[in-house]
N, C-alpha and C. Protein backbone atom coordinates (compact mmCIF):
# COMPACT_ATOMS: atom_id res chain seq x y z
N UNK A 1 -8.60 5.32 -1.88
CA UNK A 1 -9.13 4.19 -1.15
C UNK A 1 -8.36 2.93 -1.53
N UNK A 2 -8.04 2.13 -0.53
CA UNK A 2 -7.27 0.89 -0.72
C UNK A 2 -8.19 -0.21 -1.25
N UNK A 3 -7.82 -0.81 -2.36
CA UNK A 3 -8.60 -1.89 -2.97
C UNK A 3 -7.77 -3.17 -2.97
N UNK A 4 -8.16 -4.13 -2.12
CA UNK A 4 -7.41 -5.37 -1.99
C UNK A 4 -7.74 -6.34 -3.12
N UNK A 5 -6.72 -6.95 -3.66
CA UNK A 5 -6.89 -8.02 -4.63
C UNK A 5 -6.71 -9.35 -3.90
N UNK A 6 -5.65 -9.45 -3.08
CA UNK A 6 -5.38 -10.66 -2.30
C UNK A 6 -5.58 -10.32 -0.82
N UNK A 7 -6.69 -10.76 -0.27
CA UNK A 7 -6.99 -10.46 1.13
C UNK A 7 -6.06 -11.18 2.09
N UNK A 8 -5.66 -12.39 1.75
CA UNK A 8 -4.79 -13.18 2.64
C UNK A 8 -3.45 -12.49 2.88
N UNK A 9 -2.88 -11.93 1.84
CA UNK A 9 -1.55 -11.32 1.93
C UNK A 9 -1.58 -9.81 1.83
N UNK A 10 -2.77 -9.21 1.83
CA UNK A 10 -2.93 -7.75 1.84
C UNK A 10 -2.24 -7.10 0.63
N UNK A 11 -2.46 -7.67 -0.55
CA UNK A 11 -1.89 -7.12 -1.78
C UNK A 11 -2.97 -6.28 -2.47
N UNK A 12 -2.64 -5.04 -2.76
CA UNK A 12 -3.61 -4.13 -3.37
C UNK A 12 -3.45 -4.08 -4.89
N UNK A 13 -4.48 -3.55 -5.55
CA UNK A 13 -4.40 -3.39 -7.00
C UNK A 13 -3.30 -2.40 -7.37
N UNK A 14 -3.08 -1.40 -6.52
CA UNK A 14 -2.00 -0.43 -6.74
C UNK A 14 -0.63 -1.13 -6.76
N UNK A 15 -0.42 -2.05 -5.82
CA UNK A 15 0.85 -2.78 -5.77
C UNK A 15 1.04 -3.66 -7.01
N UNK A 16 -0.05 -4.28 -7.46
CA UNK A 16 0.05 -5.11 -8.67
C UNK A 16 0.36 -4.27 -9.90
N UNK A 17 -0.30 -3.13 -10.03
CA UNK A 17 -0.02 -2.24 -11.17
C UNK A 17 1.43 -1.77 -11.15
N UNK A 18 1.92 -1.41 -9.97
CA UNK A 18 3.31 -0.97 -9.85
C UNK A 18 4.26 -2.11 -10.22
N UNK A 19 3.95 -3.33 -9.79
CA UNK A 19 4.79 -4.48 -10.12
C UNK A 19 4.85 -4.71 -11.63
N UNK A 20 3.71 -4.54 -12.30
CA UNK A 20 3.67 -4.71 -13.76
C UNK A 20 4.53 -3.65 -14.43
N UNK A 21 4.48 -2.41 -13.97
CA UNK A 21 5.31 -1.36 -14.57
C UNK A 21 6.79 -1.60 -14.31
N UNK A 22 7.11 -2.35 -13.24
CA UNK A 22 8.51 -2.69 -12.96
C UNK A 22 9.00 -3.89 -13.77
N UNK A 23 8.10 -4.50 -14.55
CA UNK A 23 8.51 -5.58 -15.43
C UNK A 23 8.00 -6.96 -15.07
N UNK A 24 7.21 -7.07 -14.02
CA UNK A 24 6.64 -8.36 -13.64
C UNK A 24 5.34 -8.57 -14.43
N UNK A 25 5.46 -9.20 -15.60
CA UNK A 25 4.36 -9.24 -16.55
C UNK A 25 3.73 -10.61 -16.71
N UNK A 26 3.96 -11.51 -15.74
CA UNK A 26 3.28 -12.81 -15.75
C UNK A 26 2.88 -13.15 -14.31
N UNK A 27 1.98 -14.12 -14.15
CA UNK A 27 1.43 -14.42 -12.83
C UNK A 27 2.50 -14.92 -11.85
N UNK A 28 3.38 -15.78 -12.30
CA UNK A 28 4.41 -16.32 -11.40
C UNK A 28 5.33 -15.20 -10.90
N UNK A 29 5.70 -14.30 -11.76
CA UNK A 29 6.54 -13.18 -11.36
C UNK A 29 5.81 -12.26 -10.38
N UNK A 30 4.53 -12.00 -10.65
CA UNK A 30 3.74 -11.18 -9.73
C UNK A 30 3.64 -11.84 -8.36
N UNK A 31 3.43 -13.14 -8.37
CA UNK A 31 3.33 -13.89 -7.11
C UNK A 31 4.61 -13.76 -6.30
N UNK A 32 5.73 -13.95 -6.95
CA UNK A 32 7.02 -13.89 -6.26
C UNK A 32 7.35 -12.48 -5.77
N UNK A 33 6.95 -11.47 -6.52
CA UNK A 33 7.27 -10.09 -6.16
C UNK A 33 6.36 -9.54 -5.07
N UNK A 34 5.05 -9.87 -5.13
CA UNK A 34 4.08 -9.27 -4.21
C UNK A 34 3.60 -10.19 -3.10
N UNK A 35 3.74 -11.49 -3.26
CA UNK A 35 3.18 -12.42 -2.28
C UNK A 35 1.76 -12.83 -2.61
N UNK A 36 1.27 -12.38 -3.74
CA UNK A 36 -0.07 -12.73 -4.21
C UNK A 36 -0.25 -14.24 -4.23
N UNK A 37 -1.38 -14.73 -3.77
CA UNK A 37 -1.76 -16.15 -3.84
C UNK A 37 -0.90 -17.07 -2.99
N UNK A 38 -0.26 -16.52 -1.95
CA UNK A 38 0.55 -17.36 -1.08
C UNK A 38 -0.05 -17.51 0.31
N UNK A 39 -1.25 -17.00 0.51
CA UNK A 39 -1.90 -17.08 1.82
C UNK A 39 -2.74 -18.33 1.96
N UNK A 40 -3.68 -18.27 2.89
CA UNK A 40 -4.52 -19.43 3.21
C UNK A 40 -5.28 -19.97 2.02
N UNK A 41 -5.76 -19.12 1.16
CA UNK A 41 -6.61 -19.60 0.05
C UNK A 41 -5.79 -20.11 -1.13
N UNK A 42 -4.47 -19.89 -1.12
CA UNK A 42 -3.58 -20.33 -2.19
C UNK A 42 -4.03 -19.84 -3.57
N UNK A 43 -4.59 -18.65 -3.61
CA UNK A 43 -4.97 -18.04 -4.87
C UNK A 43 -6.41 -18.26 -5.30
N UNK A 44 -7.16 -19.04 -4.56
CA UNK A 44 -8.54 -19.31 -4.96
C UNK A 44 -9.41 -18.07 -4.92
N UNK A 45 -9.04 -17.11 -4.09
CA UNK A 45 -9.84 -15.90 -3.99
C UNK A 45 -9.31 -14.72 -4.77
N UNK A 46 -8.08 -14.81 -5.28
CA UNK A 46 -7.48 -13.61 -5.88
C UNK A 46 -6.92 -13.81 -7.29
N UNK A 47 -6.69 -15.01 -7.73
CA UNK A 47 -6.04 -15.20 -9.03
C UNK A 47 -6.87 -14.65 -10.19
N UNK A 48 -8.18 -14.80 -10.12
CA UNK A 48 -9.03 -14.29 -11.19
C UNK A 48 -8.92 -12.78 -11.33
N UNK A 49 -9.00 -12.08 -10.20
CA UNK A 49 -8.88 -10.62 -10.22
C UNK A 49 -7.49 -10.18 -10.65
N UNK A 50 -6.48 -10.88 -10.18
CA UNK A 50 -5.11 -10.53 -10.56
C UNK A 50 -4.87 -10.77 -12.05
N UNK A 51 -5.40 -11.86 -12.58
CA UNK A 51 -5.24 -12.15 -14.01
C UNK A 51 -5.94 -11.09 -14.86
N UNK A 52 -7.11 -10.67 -14.43
CA UNK A 52 -7.84 -9.62 -15.15
C UNK A 52 -7.04 -8.32 -15.14
N UNK A 53 -6.52 -7.94 -13.96
CA UNK A 53 -5.73 -6.72 -13.85
C UNK A 53 -4.47 -6.81 -14.70
N UNK A 54 -3.84 -7.97 -14.71
CA UNK A 54 -2.63 -8.17 -15.51
C UNK A 54 -2.94 -8.07 -17.00
N UNK A 55 -4.05 -8.64 -17.44
CA UNK A 55 -4.43 -8.57 -18.85
C UNK A 55 -4.69 -7.13 -19.28
N UNK A 56 -5.38 -6.37 -18.45
CA UNK A 56 -5.68 -4.97 -18.76
C UNK A 56 -4.38 -4.15 -18.82
N UNK A 57 -3.42 -4.51 -17.96
CA UNK A 57 -2.15 -3.78 -17.92
C UNK A 57 -1.19 -4.21 -19.02
N UNK A 58 -1.58 -5.19 -19.84
CA UNK A 58 -0.74 -5.60 -20.95
C UNK A 58 0.19 -6.75 -20.66
N UNK A 59 -0.03 -7.44 -19.56
CA UNK A 59 0.82 -8.58 -19.21
C UNK A 59 0.32 -9.87 -19.81
N UNK A 60 0.85 -10.99 -19.35
CA UNK A 60 0.48 -12.32 -19.85
C UNK A 60 -0.11 -13.16 -18.71
N UNK A 61 -1.43 -13.09 -18.51
CA UNK A 61 -2.05 -13.77 -17.37
C UNK A 61 -2.29 -15.26 -17.58
N UNK A 62 -2.13 -15.77 -18.78
CA UNK A 62 -2.55 -17.13 -19.09
C UNK A 62 -1.76 -18.26 -18.48
N UNK A 63 -0.56 -18.01 -18.01
CA UNK A 63 0.29 -19.10 -17.56
C UNK A 63 -0.05 -19.63 -16.17
N UNK A 64 -0.61 -18.84 -15.30
CA UNK A 64 -0.94 -19.28 -13.96
C UNK A 64 0.26 -19.27 -13.03
N UNK A 65 0.14 -19.99 -11.90
CA UNK A 65 1.20 -20.03 -10.91
C UNK A 65 1.62 -21.47 -10.66
N UNK A 66 2.77 -21.64 -10.05
CA UNK A 66 3.26 -22.97 -9.69
C UNK A 66 2.75 -23.32 -8.30
N UNK A 67 1.93 -24.36 -8.19
CA UNK A 67 1.44 -24.73 -6.85
C UNK A 67 2.56 -25.32 -6.01
N UNK A 68 2.51 -25.07 -4.73
CA UNK A 68 3.52 -25.58 -3.81
C UNK A 68 2.87 -26.53 -2.82
N UNK A 69 3.56 -27.61 -2.44
CA UNK A 69 3.01 -28.52 -1.43
C UNK A 69 3.05 -27.85 -0.05
N UNK A 70 2.28 -28.36 0.90
CA UNK A 70 2.33 -27.80 2.26
C UNK A 70 3.76 -27.89 2.83
N UNK A 71 4.08 -26.96 3.68
CA UNK A 71 5.41 -26.94 4.29
C UNK A 71 5.66 -28.19 5.11
N UNK A 72 4.66 -28.57 5.90
CA UNK A 72 4.75 -29.80 6.67
C UNK A 72 3.77 -30.79 6.06
N UNK A 73 4.25 -31.73 5.25
CA UNK A 73 3.34 -32.69 4.61
C UNK A 73 2.50 -33.45 5.64
N UNK A 74 1.26 -33.70 5.27
CA UNK A 74 0.33 -34.43 6.13
C UNK A 74 -0.14 -35.65 5.36
N UNK A 75 -0.11 -36.80 6.02
CA UNK A 75 -0.54 -38.02 5.34
C UNK A 75 -2.07 -38.05 5.21
N UNK A 76 -2.55 -38.76 4.21
CA UNK A 76 -4.00 -38.90 4.04
C UNK A 76 -4.61 -39.63 5.23
N UNK A 77 -3.89 -40.57 5.81
CA UNK A 77 -4.40 -41.29 6.98
C UNK A 77 -4.64 -40.33 8.14
N UNK A 78 -3.73 -39.38 8.34
CA UNK A 78 -3.91 -38.40 9.42
C UNK A 78 -5.13 -37.51 9.16
N UNK A 79 -5.33 -37.13 7.91
CA UNK A 79 -6.50 -36.32 7.57
C UNK A 79 -7.80 -37.11 7.72
N UNK A 80 -7.78 -38.37 7.34
CA UNK A 80 -8.97 -39.22 7.44
C UNK A 80 -9.34 -39.48 8.89
N UNK A 81 -8.37 -39.44 9.78
CA UNK A 81 -8.64 -39.70 11.20
C UNK A 81 -9.21 -38.49 11.93
N UNK A 82 -9.24 -37.33 11.31
CA UNK A 82 -9.77 -36.13 11.96
C UNK A 82 -11.28 -36.27 12.21
N UNK A 83 -11.71 -35.75 13.34
CA UNK A 83 -13.13 -35.75 13.69
C UNK A 83 -13.76 -34.48 13.09
N UNK A 84 -14.68 -34.61 12.12
CA UNK A 84 -15.24 -33.42 11.48
C UNK A 84 -16.03 -32.53 12.44
N UNK A 85 -16.48 -33.09 13.54
CA UNK A 85 -17.23 -32.29 14.53
C UNK A 85 -16.31 -31.35 15.31
N UNK A 86 -15.02 -31.63 15.32
CA UNK A 86 -14.08 -30.84 16.10
C UNK A 86 -13.31 -29.82 15.24
N UNK A 87 -13.61 -29.75 13.97
CA UNK A 87 -12.88 -28.81 13.09
C UNK A 87 -13.47 -27.43 13.15
């Protein structure tokens, strides 16, 4: 049975375990290899589970990931002008 760790990017626990055996033993390396935490939630839904899996597999989960800014930067003024009723 397929067990998803990162729903946004469809990364399974099997893929994470395989990545760790290939030498990706920290969160940033796992992110770059599997796409973990690069979807809509930016890791808010999957980093905890991935860190736990990494710790059990003998990796180093404590470092976290490098956050990236949005591809198309949005000004705060543009966000403040949004109508919350239309979101």
